[in-house]
Amino acid sequence: MPLVHHRTATVGGQEIFYREAGPAGAPTIVLLHGYPTSSSMFRGLIPLLAVDHHVIAPDHLGFGHSAAPSVAEFDYTFDALASLTDALLEHLGVDRYALYVQDYGAPIGWRLALAHPERITGMVTQNGNGYEDGFVDTFWADVWAYGDAPGPDTEPAVRAALGLDAIRWQYLHGVPDPDTVDPDTWHRDHALVSRPGNAEIQLALFADYRTNRALYPRLHEFLRAGGTPVLAVWGRGDEIFGPDGARAFARDADDVEVHLVDGGHFLLESHLDVVAGHVRRFLGRIPG
């Protein structure tokens, strides 16, 4: 089993934690996690990919083991998180890589691809949205309302997403056998978002999420123009980003695989082997 290294680098004046594994000279894949978790969501996937790939999985600023400066010290936007990720990869000398994105990792990854299209060998999206089709209205209505008018009338609904019950729901909804999901996942995530000052960090990102929608037309143009291979492997029971979000990639990407799996938003927790199989086959057929 490949060894996984747990490292920290200072980029842009911020300490960014990342997991790294696999041969340094092998093709690289960068794993970008979602809300409310960290690179720990890839703890099972990393050794499976690192057999023949160089794997890098950072914690976004404000998440996991990375630094979490207050909102008074850092302007938390998806542009800013993408810039730090870009700086980390440049610091590590990584200038050619595939992307694996999930949830928040998707808009961060899309920004990297649009900034450096020549660096991207392929994209894996696992419940990582890139189309209006993917938004489940019942989940996103409160986020849009808060983004349009942050304040005491709209904040309580989104602040509830920081609670233990809401985070547990993210892990368990859409999963046929919830007993397969380790409860340590939601307890760990809840503990981290409950750190002093972290609620304000998450609220800032909730408010900024609407900027990601404006990015989608450029993403679609990139997919049409670049011929970048895409793998969409998706939990069909996801009530945050529905399966239409996976199917939509076939509209613009010429080289695309879409696989809907009988799981939920955090598919790796219940279907690790299935997802890893799809990803390894996909990586095996794209240029390194």
Protein backbone atom coordinates (compact mmCIF):
# COMPACT_ATOMS: atom_id res chain seq x y z
CA MET A 1 0.00 0.00 0.00
CA PRO A 2 1.52 3.38 -0.96
CA LEU A 3 2.53 5.65 1.87
CA VAL A 4 0.56 8.88 2.33
CA HIS A 5 2.51 11.92 3.51
CA HIS A 6 0.84 14.72 5.50
CA ARG A 7 2.50 18.05 4.75
CA THR A 8 2.12 21.78 5.10
CA ALA A 9 3.31 24.55 2.77
CA THR A 10 3.16 28.31 3.16
CA VAL A 11 1.73 29.97 0.07
CA GLY A 12 0.31 33.45 -0.24
CA GLY A 13 1.20 33.97 3.40
CA GLN A 14 -1.11 31.12 4.47
CA GLU A 15 -0.35 27.62 5.76
CA ILE A 16 -1.99 25.03 3.53
CA PHE A 17 -2.11 21.40 4.61
CA TYR A 18 -2.05 18.70 1.94
CA ARG A 19 -1.80 14.95 1.57
CA GLU A 20 0.64 13.59 -0.98
CA ALA A 21 1.30 10.06 -2.19
CA GLY A 22 2.56 8.10 -5.15
CA PRO A 23 5.66 8.26 -7.39
CA ALA A 24 6.89 11.82 -7.95
CA GLY A 25 7.46 11.18 -11.66
CA ALA A 26 4.04 9.65 -12.29
CA PRO A 27 1.09 11.57 -13.80
CA THR A 28 -0.45 13.85 -11.17
CA ILE A 29 -4.07 14.04 -10.03
CA VAL A 30 -5.23 16.82 -7.72
CA LEU A 31 -8.14 16.02 -5.41
CA LEU A 32 -10.28 18.98 -4.30
CA HIS A 33 -12.72 18.42 -1.45
CA GLY A 34 -16.13 19.88 -0.74
CA TYR A 35 -18.05 21.43 2.14
CA PRO A 36 -17.94 20.84 5.10
CA THR A 37 -15.08 18.36 5.01
CA SER A 38 -11.39 18.32 4.05
CA SER A 39 -8.86 16.16 2.26
CA SER A 40 -9.83 13.47 4.79
CA MET A 41 -12.75 12.63 2.47
CA PHE A 42 -10.11 11.11 0.15
CA ARG A 43 -8.36 9.04 2.85
CA GLY A 44 -9.50 5.77 1.25
CA LEU A 45 -9.13 6.86 -2.37
CA ILE A 46 -5.59 8.25 -2.19
CA PRO A 47 -3.77 4.90 -1.67
CA LEU A 48 -5.79 3.31 -4.49
CA LEU A 49 -4.82 6.03 -6.96
CA ALA A 50 -1.24 6.38 -5.71
CA VAL A 51 -0.27 2.94 -7.03
CA ASP A 52 0.44 4.55 -10.39
CA HIS A 53 -0.27 8.27 -9.92
CA HIS A 54 1.19 11.16 -7.99
CA VAL A 55 -1.69 12.36 -5.80
CA ILE A 56 -2.07 15.75 -4.12
CA ALA A 57 -5.08 16.57 -1.91
CA PRO A 58 -5.04 19.95 -0.13
CA ASP A 59 -7.31 21.28 2.60
CA HIS A 60 -8.84 24.58 1.49
CA LEU A 61 -8.10 27.56 3.71
CA GLY A 62 -10.53 27.51 6.63
CA PHE A 63 -11.00 23.74 6.39
CA GLY A 64 -9.31 20.69 7.87
CA HIS A 65 -5.72 21.25 9.01
CA SER A 66 -5.08 24.34 6.90
CA ALA A 67 -4.92 27.75 8.53
CA ALA A 68 -8.22 29.47 9.25
CA PRO A 69 -7.62 33.22 9.54
CA SER A 70 -10.68 35.20 10.56
CA VAL A 71 -12.88 36.96 8.01
CA ALA A 72 -11.31 40.21 9.22
CA GLU A 73 -7.88 38.88 8.19
CA PHE A 74 -8.78 37.14 4.92
CA ASP A 75 -11.45 37.73 2.28
CA TYR A 76 -12.99 34.29 1.82
CA THR A 77 -14.14 33.89 -1.78
CA PHE A 78 -13.91 31.05 -4.26
CA ASP A 79 -11.53 33.18 -6.33
CA ALA A 80 -9.24 33.45 -3.30
CA LEU A 81 -9.36 29.71 -2.53
CA ALA A 82 -8.58 28.89 -6.16
CA SER A 83 -5.63 31.32 -6.12
CA LEU A 84 -4.18 29.61 -3.05
CA THR A 85 -4.59 26.18 -4.65
CA ASP A 86 -2.89 27.46 -7.81
CA ALA A 87 -0.05 28.86 -5.71
CA LEU A 88 0.33 25.55 -3.86
CA LEU A 89 0.62 23.60 -7.11
CA GLU A 90 3.19 26.05 -8.45
CA HIS A 91 5.09 25.78 -5.15
CA LEU A 92 5.14 22.00 -5.60
CA GLY A 93 6.23 22.28 -9.23
CA VAL A 94 3.06 20.69 -10.58
CA ASP A 95 2.27 22.08 -14.04
CA ARG A 96 0.34 19.20 -15.61
CA TYR A 97 -2.43 17.33 -13.81
CA ALA A 98 -5.87 15.79 -13.81
CA LEU A 99 -8.54 17.17 -11.49
CA TYR A 100 -10.91 15.31 -9.18
CA VAL A 101 -13.52 17.71 -7.82
CA GLN A 102 -16.42 17.34 -5.39
CA ASP A 103 -18.87 19.99 -4.15
CA TYR A 104 -16.80 23.15 -3.30
CA GLY A 105 -13.85 21.57 -5.07
CA ALA A 106 -15.68 21.95 -8.38
CA PRO A 107 -15.78 25.77 -8.63
CA ILE A 108 -12.20 25.87 -7.36
CA GLY A 109 -11.15 23.33 -9.98
CA TRP A 110 -13.06 25.09 -12.76
CA ARG A 111 -11.14 28.28 -11.98
CA LEU A 112 -7.83 26.41 -12.23
CA ALA A 113 -8.84 24.92 -15.58
CA LEU A 114 -9.94 28.28 -16.99
CA ALA A 115 -6.75 29.98 -15.79
CA HIS A 116 -4.43 27.23 -17.11
CA PRO A 117 -6.23 25.10 -19.71
CA GLU A 118 -2.94 23.76 -21.01
CA ARG A 119 -2.22 22.12 -17.65
CA ILE A 120 -5.36 19.99 -17.39
CA THR A 121 -5.13 16.40 -18.63
CA GLY A 122 -8.63 15.37 -17.58
CA MET A 123 -11.46 16.11 -15.15
CA VAL A 124 -13.25 13.82 -12.74
CA THR A 125 -16.36 15.34 -11.21
CA GLN A 126 -17.89 13.42 -8.34
CA ASN A 127 -21.02 15.32 -7.37
CA GLY A 128 -19.18 18.49 -8.38
CA ASN A 129 -21.58 20.81 -10.16
CA GLY A 130 -20.98 22.74 -13.37
CA TYR A 131 -24.51 23.28 -14.70
CA GLU A 132 -27.74 24.90 -13.60
CA ASP A 133 -29.29 21.46 -14.18
CA GLY A 134 -27.54 20.16 -11.08
CA PHE A 135 -29.05 22.49 -8.50
CA VAL A 136 -31.81 20.94 -6.40
CA ASP A 137 -34.11 23.90 -5.76
CA THR A 138 -35.29 22.81 -2.32
CA PHE A 139 -31.70 22.85 -1.05
CA TRP A 140 -30.39 25.96 -2.82
CA ALA A 141 -33.26 28.44 -2.34
CA ASP A 142 -31.95 29.55 1.07
CA VAL A 143 -28.37 29.91 -0.25
CA TRP A 144 -29.50 32.13 -3.13
CA ALA A 145 -31.60 34.24 -0.78
CA TYR A 146 -28.64 34.72 1.55
CA GLY A 147 -26.28 35.56 -1.32
CA ASP A 148 -28.70 38.15 -2.65
CA ALA A 149 -29.26 39.80 0.75
CA PRO A 150 -27.02 38.65 3.61
CA GLY A 151 -28.55 39.68 6.90
CA PRO A 152 -30.67 38.70 9.89
CA ASP A 153 -33.65 37.68 7.73
CA THR A 154 -31.71 35.22 5.53
CA GLU A 155 -28.83 34.11 7.76
CA PRO A 156 -30.62 31.67 10.13
CA ALA A 157 -31.53 29.26 7.31
CA VAL A 158 -27.95 28.95 6.05
CA ARG A 159 -26.39 29.00 9.53
CA ALA A 160 -28.43 25.86 10.24
CA ALA A 161 -26.25 24.08 7.67
CA LEU A 162 -23.40 24.29 10.18
CA GLY A 163 -25.23 22.12 12.71
CA LEU A 164 -24.55 18.47 13.42
CA ASP A 165 -27.92 17.28 12.08
CA ALA A 166 -27.45 19.09 8.78
CA ILE A 167 -23.93 17.73 8.31
CA ARG A 168 -25.08 14.21 9.17
CA TRP A 169 -27.83 14.59 6.55
CA GLN A 170 -25.23 15.49 3.92
CA TYR A 171 -23.51 12.17 4.55
CA LEU A 172 -26.53 9.91 4.84
CA HIS A 173 -29.21 11.12 2.42
CA GLY A 174 -29.49 9.06 -0.73
CA VAL A 175 -27.43 6.20 0.71
CA PRO A 176 -29.27 2.85 0.43
CA ASP A 177 -27.48 1.42 3.48
CA PRO A 178 -26.62 4.29 5.87
CA ASP A 179 -24.84 1.85 8.20
CA THR A 180 -21.95 1.79 5.71
CA VAL A 181 -21.11 5.45 6.46
CA ASP A 182 -18.73 6.01 9.37
CA PRO A 183 -20.24 8.49 11.89
CA ASP A 184 -16.75 9.82 12.57
CA THR A 185 -17.14 11.72 9.29
CA TRP A 186 -19.89 14.08 10.35
CA HIS A 187 -18.65 14.42 13.93
CA ARG A 188 -15.18 15.39 12.67
CA ASP A 189 -16.57 17.92 10.19
CA HIS A 190 -18.91 19.42 12.77
CA ALA A 191 -16.06 19.83 15.26
CA LEU A 192 -13.98 21.69 12.68
CA VAL A 193 -16.70 24.07 11.50
CA SER A 194 -17.52 24.74 15.17
CA ARG A 195 -14.10 26.24 15.89
CA PRO A 196 -14.22 29.87 17.00
CA GLY A 197 -14.66 32.13 13.99
CA ASN A 198 -15.26 29.34 11.51
CA ALA A 199 -19.00 29.95 11.21
CA GLU A 200 -18.26 33.39 9.78
CA ILE A 201 -15.84 31.82 7.29
CA GLN A 202 -18.50 29.41 6.08
CA LEU A 203 -21.14 32.15 5.88
CA ALA A 204 -18.81 34.22 3.70
CA LEU A 205 -18.44 31.32 1.29
CA PHE A 206 -22.20 30.69 1.27
CA ALA A 207 -22.68 34.32 0.26
CA ASP A 208 -20.02 34.04 -2.46
CA TYR A 209 -21.37 30.80 -3.95
CA ARG A 210 -23.51 32.67 -6.48
CA THR A 211 -20.29 33.77 -8.26
CA ASN A 212 -19.82 30.14 -9.28
CA ARG A 213 -22.97 30.15 -11.40
CA ALA A 214 -21.60 33.05 -13.44
CA LEU A 215 -18.56 30.89 -14.20
CA TYR A 216 -20.53 28.08 -15.85
CA PRO A 217 -20.78 29.49 -19.41
CA ARG A 218 -16.98 29.84 -19.52
CA LEU A 219 -16.62 26.26 -18.25
CA HIS A 220 -18.93 24.99 -20.99
CA GLU A 221 -16.96 26.90 -23.62
CA PHE A 222 -13.76 25.38 -22.23
CA LEU A 223 -15.23 21.88 -22.51
CA ARG A 224 -16.37 22.44 -26.08
CA ALA A 225 -13.09 23.96 -27.21
CA GLY A 226 -10.50 21.96 -25.37
CA GLY A 227 -11.46 18.33 -25.88
CA THR A 228 -10.61 17.65 -22.23
CA PRO A 229 -11.75 14.17 -21.17
CA VAL A 230 -14.42 14.23 -18.46
CA LEU A 231 -15.62 11.54 -16.06
CA ALA A 232 -18.81 12.34 -14.15
CA VAL A 233 -19.35 9.74 -11.43
CA TRP A 234 -22.27 10.77 -9.28
CA GLY A 235 -24.47 9.60 -6.46
CA ARG A 236 -27.88 9.54 -8.08
CA GLY A 237 -29.57 10.06 -4.71
CA ASP A 238 -27.84 13.40 -4.10
CA GLU A 239 -30.39 16.03 -3.02
CA ILE A 240 -27.85 18.86 -3.24
CA PHE A 241 -26.57 18.33 -6.78
CA GLY A 242 -29.01 16.08 -8.60
CA PRO A 243 -28.04 13.55 -11.29
CA ASP A 244 -29.07 15.92 -14.09
CA GLY A 245 -25.92 17.81 -13.16
CA ALA A 246 -23.86 14.76 -14.15
CA ARG A 247 -25.75 14.15 -17.38
CA ALA A 248 -25.31 17.78 -18.43
CA PHE A 249 -21.57 17.36 -19.00
CA ALA A 250 -22.40 15.28 -22.08
CA ARG A 251 -23.80 18.42 -23.74
CA ASP A 252 -20.41 20.08 -24.04
CA ALA A 253 -17.62 17.53 -23.53
CA ASP A 254 -16.83 15.35 -26.56
CA ASP A 255 -14.94 12.77 -24.53
CA VAL A 256 -17.21 12.11 -21.56
CA GLU A 257 -18.28 9.22 -19.36
CA VAL A 258 -21.28 9.52 -17.04
CA HIS A 259 -21.84 6.94 -14.31
CA LEU A 260 -24.73 7.25 -11.86
CA VAL A 261 -24.16 5.20 -8.71
CA ASP A 262 -26.77 4.24 -6.13
CA GLY A 263 -25.45 6.58 -3.46
CA GLY A 264 -25.55 10.14 -2.16
CA HIS A 265 -23.49 13.33 -2.00
CA PHE A 266 -20.40 11.83 -0.32
CA LEU A 267 -20.19 8.82 -2.57
CA LEU A 268 -16.73 7.73 -1.45
CA GLU A 269 -18.08 6.87 2.00
CA SER A 270 -20.42 4.17 0.69
CA HIS A 271 -19.05 3.24 -2.77
CA LEU A 272 -15.29 3.75 -2.59
CA ASP A 273 -14.40 0.70 -4.69
CA VAL A 274 -16.93 1.55 -7.40
CA VAL A 275 -15.72 5.14 -7.72
CA ALA A 276 -12.05 4.15 -7.58
CA GLY A 277 -12.62 1.61 -10.35
CA HIS A 278 -14.16 4.22 -12.65
CA VAL A 279 -11.45 6.76 -11.85
CA ARG A 280 -8.54 4.37 -12.36
CA ARG A 281 -9.90 3.20 -15.71
CA PHE A 282 -10.45 6.80 -16.78
CA LEU A 283 -6.95 7.91 -15.75
CA GLY A 284 -5.47 4.90 -17.46
CA ARG A 285 -6.71 5.99 -20.85
CA ILE A 286 -5.84 9.71 -20.77
CA PRO A 287 -2.41 11.20 -21.48
CA GLY A 288 -0.21 11.67 -18.43
